[in-house]
Amino acid sequence: GGTALSNLWIFIVGPFVGGALAAGIYKIFDC
């Protein structure tokens, strides 16, 4: 609970955006 819960969106949005970016970068090298 507390601020860990109120700031939870950061730790959902951030990793998902990072994962999507990684997939895009990976496709460039996925020859």
All heavy atoms as atom14 arrays in JSON, in Angstrom:
{
  "sequence": "GGTALSNLWIFIVGPFVGGALAAGIYKIFDC",
  "atom14_mask": [
    [1, 1, 1, 1, 0, 0, 0, 0, 0, 0, 0, 0, 0, 0],
    [1, 1, 1, 1, 0, 0, 0, 0, 0, 0, 0, 0, 0, 0],
    [1, 1, 1, 1, 1, 1, 1, 0, 0, 0, 0, 0, 0, 0],
    [1, 1, 1, 1, 1, 0, 0, 0, 0, 0, 0, 0, 0, 0],
    [1, 1, 1, 1, 1, 1, 1, 1, 0, 0, 0, 0, 0, 0],
    [1, 1, 1, 1, 1, 1, 0, 0, 0, 0, 0, 0, 0, 0],
    [1, 1, 1, 1, 1, 1, 1, 1, 0, 0, 0, 0, 0, 0],
    [1, 1, 1, 1, 1, 1, 1, 1, 0, 0, 0, 0, 0, 0],
    [1, 1, 1, 1, 1, 1, 1, 1, 1, 1, 1, 1, 1, 1],
    [1, 1, 1, 1, 1, 1, 1, 1, 0, 0, 0, 0, 0, 0],
    [1, 1, 1, 1, 1, 1, 1, 1, 1, 1, 1, 0, 0, 0],
    [1, 1, 1, 1, 1, 1, 1, 1, 0, 0, 0, 0, 0, 0],
    [1, 1, 1, 1, 1, 1, 1, 0, 0, 0, 0, 0, 0, 0],
    [1, 1, 1, 1, 0, 0, 0, 0, 0, 0, 0, 0, 0, 0],
    [1, 1, 1, 1, 1, 1, 1, 0, 0, 0, 0, 0, 0, 0],
    [1, 1, 1, 1, 1, 1, 1, 1, 1, 1, 1, 0, 0, 0],
    [1, 1, 1, 1, 1, 1, 1, 0, 0, 0, 0, 0, 0, 0],
    [1, 1, 1, 1, 0, 0, 0, 0, 0, 0, 0, 0, 0, 0],
    [1, 1, 1, 1, 0, 0, 0, 0, 0, 0, 0, 0, 0, 0],
    [1, 1, 1, 1, 1, 0, 0, 0, 0, 0, 0, 0, 0, 0],
    [1, 1, 1, 1, 1, 1, 1, 1, 0, 0, 0, 0, 0, 0],
    [1, 1, 1, 1, 1, 0, 0, 0, 0, 0, 0, 0, 0, 0],
    [1, 1, 1, 1, 1, 0, 0, 0, 0, 0, 0, 0, 0, 0],
    [1, 1, 1, 1, 0, 0, 0, 0, 0, 0, 0, 0, 0, 0],
    [1, 1, 1, 1, 1, 1, 1, 1, 0, 0, 0, 0, 0, 0],
    [1, 1, 1, 1, 1, 1, 1, 1, 1, 1, 1, 1, 0, 0],
    [1, 1, 1, 1, 1, 1, 1, 1, 1, 0, 0, 0, 0, 0],
    [1, 1, 1, 1, 1, 1, 1, 1, 0, 0, 0, 0, 0, 0],
    [1, 1, 1, 1, 1, 1, 1, 1, 1, 1, 1, 0, 0, 0],
    [1, 1, 1, 1, 1, 1, 1, 1, 0, 0, 0, 0, 0, 0],
    [1, 1, 1, 1, 1, 1, 0, 0, 0, 0, 0, 0, 0, 0]
  ],
  "atom14_positions": [
    [[0.81, -1.22, 0.0], [0.0, 0.0, 0.0], [0.84, 1.27, 0.0], [2.03, 1.26, -0.36], [0.0, 0.0, 0.0], [0.0, 0.0, 0.0], [0.0, 0.0, 0.0], [0.0, 0.0, 0.0], [0.0, 0.0, 0.0], [0.0, 0.0, 0.0], [0.0, 0.0, 0.0], [0.0, 0.0, 0.0], [0.0, 0.0, 0.0], [0.0, 0.0, 0.0]],
    [[0.26, 2.38, 0.42], [0.97, 3.66, 0.5], [1.43, 4.18, -0.85], [0.77, 3.98, -1.88], [0.0, 0.0, 0.0], [0.0, 0.0, 0.0], [0.0, 0.0, 0.0], [0.0, 0.0, 0.0], [0.0, 0.0, 0.0], [0.0, 0.0, 0.0], [0.0, 0.0, 0.0], [0.0, 0.0, 0.0], [0.0, 0.0, 0.0], [0.0, 0.0, 0.0]],
    [[2.59, 4.83, -0.87], [3.09, 5.42, -2.11], [3.49, 4.34, -3.12], [3.49, 4.6, -4.32], [4.29, 6.33, -1.84], [5.32, 5.59, -1.16], [3.89, 7.52, -0.99], [0.0, 0.0, 0.0], [0.0, 0.0, 0.0], [0.0, 0.0, 0.0], [0.0, 0.0, 0.0], [0.0, 0.0, 0.0], [0.0, 0.0, 0.0], [0.0, 0.0, 0.0]],
    [[3.82, 3.15, -2.64], [4.14, 2.07, -3.56], [2.94, 1.76, -4.45], [3.09, 1.46, -5.64], [4.55, 0.81, -2.79], [0.0, 0.0, 0.0], [0.0, 0.0, 0.0], [0.0, 0.0, 0.0], [0.0, 0.0, 0.0], [0.0, 0.0, 0.0], [0.0, 0.0, 0.0], [0.0, 0.0, 0.0], [0.0, 0.0, 0.0], [0.0, 0.0, 0.0]],
    [[1.74, 1.89, -3.89], [0.53, 1.63, -4.66], [0.16, 2.82, -5.53], [-0.22, 2.65, -6.69], [-0.62, 1.3, -3.7], [-1.9, 0.75, -4.35], [-1.61, -0.52, -5.15], [-2.94, 0.46, -3.27], [0.0, 0.0, 0.0], [0.0, 0.0, 0.0], [0.0, 0.0, 0.0], [0.0, 0.0, 0.0], [0.0, 0.0, 0.0], [0.0, 0.0, 0.0]],
    [[0.3, 4.03, -5.0], [-0.05, 5.21, -5.8], [0.92, 5.44, -6.95], [0.55, 6.01, -7.98], [-0.09, 6.46, -4.9], [1.17, 6.72, -4.31], [0.0, 0.0, 0.0], [0.0, 0.0, 0.0], [0.0, 0.0, 0.0], [0.0, 0.0, 0.0], [0.0, 0.0, 0.0], [0.0, 0.0, 0.0], [0.0, 0.0, 0.0], [0.0, 0.0, 0.0]],
    [[2.16, 4.99, -6.8], [3.15, 5.12, -7.88], [3.26, 3.88, -8.75], [4.12, 3.8, -9.62], [4.54, 5.42, -7.29], [4.66, 6.83, -6.74], [4.03, 7.76, -7.26], [5.44, 7.0, -5.69], [0.0, 0.0, 0.0], [0.0, 0.0, 0.0], [0.0, 0.0, 0.0], [0.0, 0.0, 0.0], [0.0, 0.0, 0.0], [0.0, 0.0, 0.0]],
    [[2.37, 2.92, -8.52], [2.45, 1.64, -9.22], [2.41, 1.79, -10.73], [3.07, 1.03, -11.46], [1.32, 0.72, -8.75], [1.21, -0.65, -9.44], [2.49, -1.45, -9.25], [0.01, -1.41, -8.89], [0.0, 0.0, 0.0], [0.0, 0.0, 0.0], [0.0, 0.0, 0.0], [0.0, 0.0, 0.0], [0.0, 0.0, 0.0], [0.0, 0.0, 0.0]],
    [[1.67, 2.78, -11.24], [1.54, 2.94, -12.69], [2.9, 3.11, -13.37], [3.09, 2.66, -14.51], [0.65, 4.15, -13.0], [1.26, 5.48, -12.65], [1.18, 6.14, -11.46], [2.05, 6.31, -13.51], [1.88, 7.32, -11.51], [2.41, 7.46, -12.76], [2.48, 6.21, -14.82], [3.19, 8.48, -13.29], [3.26, 7.21, -15.37], [3.6, 8.34, -14.6]],
    [[3.85, 3.71, -12.66], [5.19, 3.9, -13.22], [5.83, 2.55, -13.54], [6.5, 2.39, -14.56], [6.09, 4.67, -12.23], [5.55, 6.09, -12.0], [7.55, 4.72, -12.7], [6.26, 6.83, -10.89], [0.0, 0.0, 0.0], [0.0, 0.0, 0.0], [0.0, 0.0, 0.0], [0.0, 0.0, 0.0], [0.0, 0.0, 0.0], [0.0, 0.0, 0.0]],
    [[5.58, 1.58, -12.66], [6.22, 0.28, -12.78], [5.41, -0.71, -13.64], [5.79, -1.87, -13.79], [6.48, -0.29, -11.39], [7.24, 0.68, -10.53], [6.61, 1.41, -9.54], [8.59, 0.92, -10.77], [7.3, 2.34, -8.78], [9.29, 1.84, -10.01], [8.65, 2.56, -9.02], [0.0, 0.0, 0.0], [0.0, 0.0, 0.0], [0.0, 0.0, 0.0]],
    [[4.32, -0.19, -14.2], [3.58, -0.93, -15.21], [3.85, -0.32, -16.58], [4.25, -1.01, -17.52], [2.07, -0.93, -14.9], [1.79, -1.63, -13.57], [1.29, -1.6, -16.04], [0.34, -1.56, -13.11], [0.0, 0.0, 0.0], [0.0, 0.0, 0.0], [0.0, 0.0, 0.0], [0.0, 0.0, 0.0], [0.0, 0.0, 0.0], [0.0, 0.0, 0.0]],
    [[3.66, 0.98, -16.67], [3.86, 1.68, -17.95], [5.32, 1.61, -18.39], [5.61, 1.29, -19.55], [3.4, 3.15, -17.83], [3.75, 3.92, -19.11], [1.91, 3.22, -17.57], [0.0, 0.0, 0.0], [0.0, 0.0, 0.0], [0.0, 0.0, 0.0], [0.0, 0.0, 0.0], [0.0, 0.0, 0.0], [0.0, 0.0, 0.0], [0.0, 0.0, 0.0]],
    [[6.24, 1.92, -17.47], [7.67, 1.95, -17.82], [8.17, 0.64, -18.41], [8.71, 0.62, -19.52], [0.0, 0.0, 0.0], [0.0, 0.0, 0.0], [0.0, 0.0, 0.0], [0.0, 0.0, 0.0], [0.0, 0.0, 0.0], [0.0, 0.0, 0.0], [0.0, 0.0, 0.0], [0.0, 0.0, 0.0], [0.0, 0.0, 0.0], [0.0, 0.0, 0.0]],
    [[7.98, -0.49, -17.71], [8.44, -1.76, -18.25], [7.77, -2.16, -19.57], [8.42, -2.72, -20.45], [8.11, -2.76, -17.14], [8.21, -1.94, -15.89], [7.62, -0.61, -16.28], [0.0, 0.0, 0.0], [0.0, 0.0, 0.0], [0.0, 0.0, 0.0], [0.0, 0.0, 0.0], [0.0, 0.0, 0.0], [0.0, 0.0, 0.0], [0.0, 0.0, 0.0]],
    [[6.48, -1.87, -19.71], [5.8, -2.23, -20.96], [6.33, -1.4, -22.13], [6.54, -1.92, -23.22], [4.29, -2.06, -20.82], [3.59, -3.26, -20.25], [2.63, -3.1, -19.26], [3.88, -4.54, -20.7], [1.98, -4.21, -18.73], [3.23, -5.65, -20.17], [2.28, -5.49, -19.18], [0.0, 0.0, 0.0], [0.0, 0.0, 0.0], [0.0, 0.0, 0.0]],
    [[6.56, -0.12, -21.89], [7.14, 0.72, -22.95], [8.55, 0.24, -23.28], [8.93, 0.13, -24.45], [7.15, 2.21, -22.53], [7.93, 3.05, -23.54], [5.73, 2.74, -22.4], [0.0, 0.0, 0.0], [0.0, 0.0, 0.0], [0.0, 0.0, 0.0], [0.0, 0.0, 0.0], [0.0, 0.0, 0.0], [0.0, 0.0, 0.0], [0.0, 0.0, 0.0]],
    [[9.33, -0.05, -22.24], [10.69, -0.55, -22.46], [10.7, -1.86, -23.21], [11.54, -2.08, -24.09], [0.0, 0.0, 0.0], [0.0, 0.0, 0.0], [0.0, 0.0, 0.0], [0.0, 0.0, 0.0], [0.0, 0.0, 0.0], [0.0, 0.0, 0.0], [0.0, 0.0, 0.0], [0.0, 0.0, 0.0], [0.0, 0.0, 0.0], [0.0, 0.0, 0.0]],
    [[9.77, -2.76, -22.87], [9.69, -4.04, -23.57], [9.33, -3.87, -25.04], [9.88, -4.56, -25.91], [0.0, 0.0, 0.0], [0.0, 0.0, 0.0], [0.0, 0.0, 0.0], [0.0, 0.0, 0.0], [0.0, 0.0, 0.0], [0.0, 0.0, 0.0], [0.0, 0.0, 0.0], [0.0, 0.0, 0.0], [0.0, 0.0, 0.0], [0.0, 0.0, 0.0]],
    [[8.41, -2.93, -25.31], [8.02, -2.67, -26.7], [9.19, -2.07, -27.48], [9.43, -2.44, -28.65], [6.83, -1.73, -26.73], [0.0, 0.0, 0.0], [0.0, 0.0, 0.0], [0.0, 0.0, 0.0], [0.0, 0.0, 0.0], [0.0, 0.0, 0.0], [0.0, 0.0, 0.0], [0.0, 0.0, 0.0], [0.0, 0.0, 0.0], [0.0, 0.0, 0.0]],
    [[9.93, -1.15, -26.87], [11.1, -0.57, -27.53], [12.16, -1.63, -27.82], [12.77, -1.64, -28.88], [11.71, 0.53, -26.65], [10.94, 1.85, -26.57], [11.59, 2.77, -25.54], [10.88, 2.52, -27.93], [0.0, 0.0, 0.0], [0.0, 0.0, 0.0], [0.0, 0.0, 0.0], [0.0, 0.0, 0.0], [0.0, 0.0, 0.0], [0.0, 0.0, 0.0]],
    [[12.36, -2.54, -26.86], [13.34, -3.62, -27.06], [12.96, -4.49, -28.24], [13.83, -4.9, -29.03], [13.44, -4.47, -25.79], [0.0, 0.0, 0.0], [0.0, 0.0, 0.0], [0.0, 0.0, 0.0], [0.0, 0.0, 0.0], [0.0, 0.0, 0.0], [0.0, 0.0, 0.0], [0.0, 0.0, 0.0], [0.0, 0.0, 0.0], [0.0, 0.0, 0.0]],
    [[11.67, -4.77, -28.4], [11.21, -5.58, -29.52], [11.5, -4.87, -30.85], [11.91, -5.5, -31.83], [9.72, -5.86, -29.39], [0.0, 0.0, 0.0], [0.0, 0.0, 0.0], [0.0, 0.0, 0.0], [0.0, 0.0, 0.0], [0.0, 0.0, 0.0], [0.0, 0.0, 0.0], [0.0, 0.0, 0.0], [0.0, 0.0, 0.0], [0.0, 0.0, 0.0]],
    [[11.29, -3.55, -30.86], [11.57, -2.78, -32.08], [13.05, -2.78, -32.43], [13.43, -2.96, -33.59], [0.0, 0.0, 0.0], [0.0, 0.0, 0.0], [0.0, 0.0, 0.0], [0.0, 0.0, 0.0], [0.0, 0.0, 0.0], [0.0, 0.0, 0.0], [0.0, 0.0, 0.0], [0.0, 0.0, 0.0], [0.0, 0.0, 0.0], [0.0, 0.0, 0.0]],
    [[13.9, -2.62, -31.41], [15.35, -2.65, -31.64], [15.79, -4.03, -32.07], [16.61, -4.2, -32.98], [16.1, -2.21, -30.37], [15.76, -0.76, -30.02], [17.61, -2.38, -30.54], [16.26, -0.32, -28.66], [0.0, 0.0, 0.0], [0.0, 0.0, 0.0], [0.0, 0.0, 0.0], [0.0, 0.0, 0.0], [0.0, 0.0, 0.0], [0.0, 0.0, 0.0]],
    [[15.23, -5.04, -31.42], [15.59, -6.43, -31.73], [15.29, -6.76, -33.2], [16.08, -7.45, -33.85], [14.82, -7.37, -30.81], [14.87, -8.82, -31.22], [16.0, -9.59, -31.0], [13.77, -9.41, -31.84], [16.04, -10.92, -31.38], [13.8, -10.74, -32.22], [14.93, -11.49, -31.99], [14.97, -12.79, -32.37], [0.0, 0.0, 0.0], [0.0, 0.0, 0.0]],
    [[14.18, -6.26, -33.71], [13.8, -6.55, -35.1], [14.83, -6.01, -36.09], [15.01, -6.56, -37.18], [12.42, -5.98, -35.41], [11.28, -6.8, -34.82], [9.93, -6.27, -35.26], [8.8, -7.15, -34.74], [7.48, -6.67, -35.19], [0.0, 0.0, 0.0], [0.0, 0.0, 0.0], [0.0, 0.0, 0.0], [0.0, 0.0, 0.0], [0.0, 0.0, 0.0]],
    [[15.5, -4.92, -35.72], [16.52, -4.35, -36.6], [17.68, -5.32, -36.78], [18.25, -5.46, -37.86], [17.04, -3.01, -36.02], [15.92, -1.98, -35.97], [18.21, -2.49, -36.86], [16.3, -0.69, -35.27], [0.0, 0.0, 0.0], [0.0, 0.0, 0.0], [0.0, 0.0, 0.0], [0.0, 0.0, 0.0], [0.0, 0.0, 0.0], [0.0, 0.0, 0.0]],
    [[18.02, -6.03, -35.69], [19.15, -6.95, -35.71], [18.75, -8.4, -35.96], [19.62, -9.26, -36.09], [19.91, -6.88, -34.38], [20.5, -5.53, -34.1], [19.85, -4.63, -33.26], [21.7, -5.14, -34.68], [20.38, -3.38, -33.01], [22.25, -3.9, -34.44], [21.6, -3.01, -33.59], [0.0, 0.0, 0.0], [0.0, 0.0, 0.0], [0.0, 0.0, 0.0]],
    [[17.46, -8.66, -36.01], [16.98, -10.03, -36.16], [17.04, -10.43, -37.64], [16.03, -10.66, -38.29], [15.55, -10.15, -35.65], [15.06, -11.6, -35.72], [15.91, -12.51, -35.72], [13.82, -11.79, -35.79], [0.0, 0.0, 0.0], [0.0, 0.0, 0.0], [0.0, 0.0, 0.0], [0.0, 0.0, 0.0], [0.0, 0.0, 0.0], [0.0, 0.0, 0.0]],
    [[18.26, -10.5, -38.16], [18.45, -10.88, -39.55], [18.27, -12.38, -39.72], [18.53, -13.14, -38.82], [19.82, -10.46, -40.06], [21.17, -11.03, -39.02], [0.0, 0.0, 0.0], [0.0, 0.0, 0.0], [0.0, 0.0, 0.0], [0.0, 0.0, 0.0], [0.0, 0.0, 0.0], [0.0, 0.0, 0.0], [0.0, 0.0, 0.0], [0.0, 0.0, 0.0]]
  ]
}
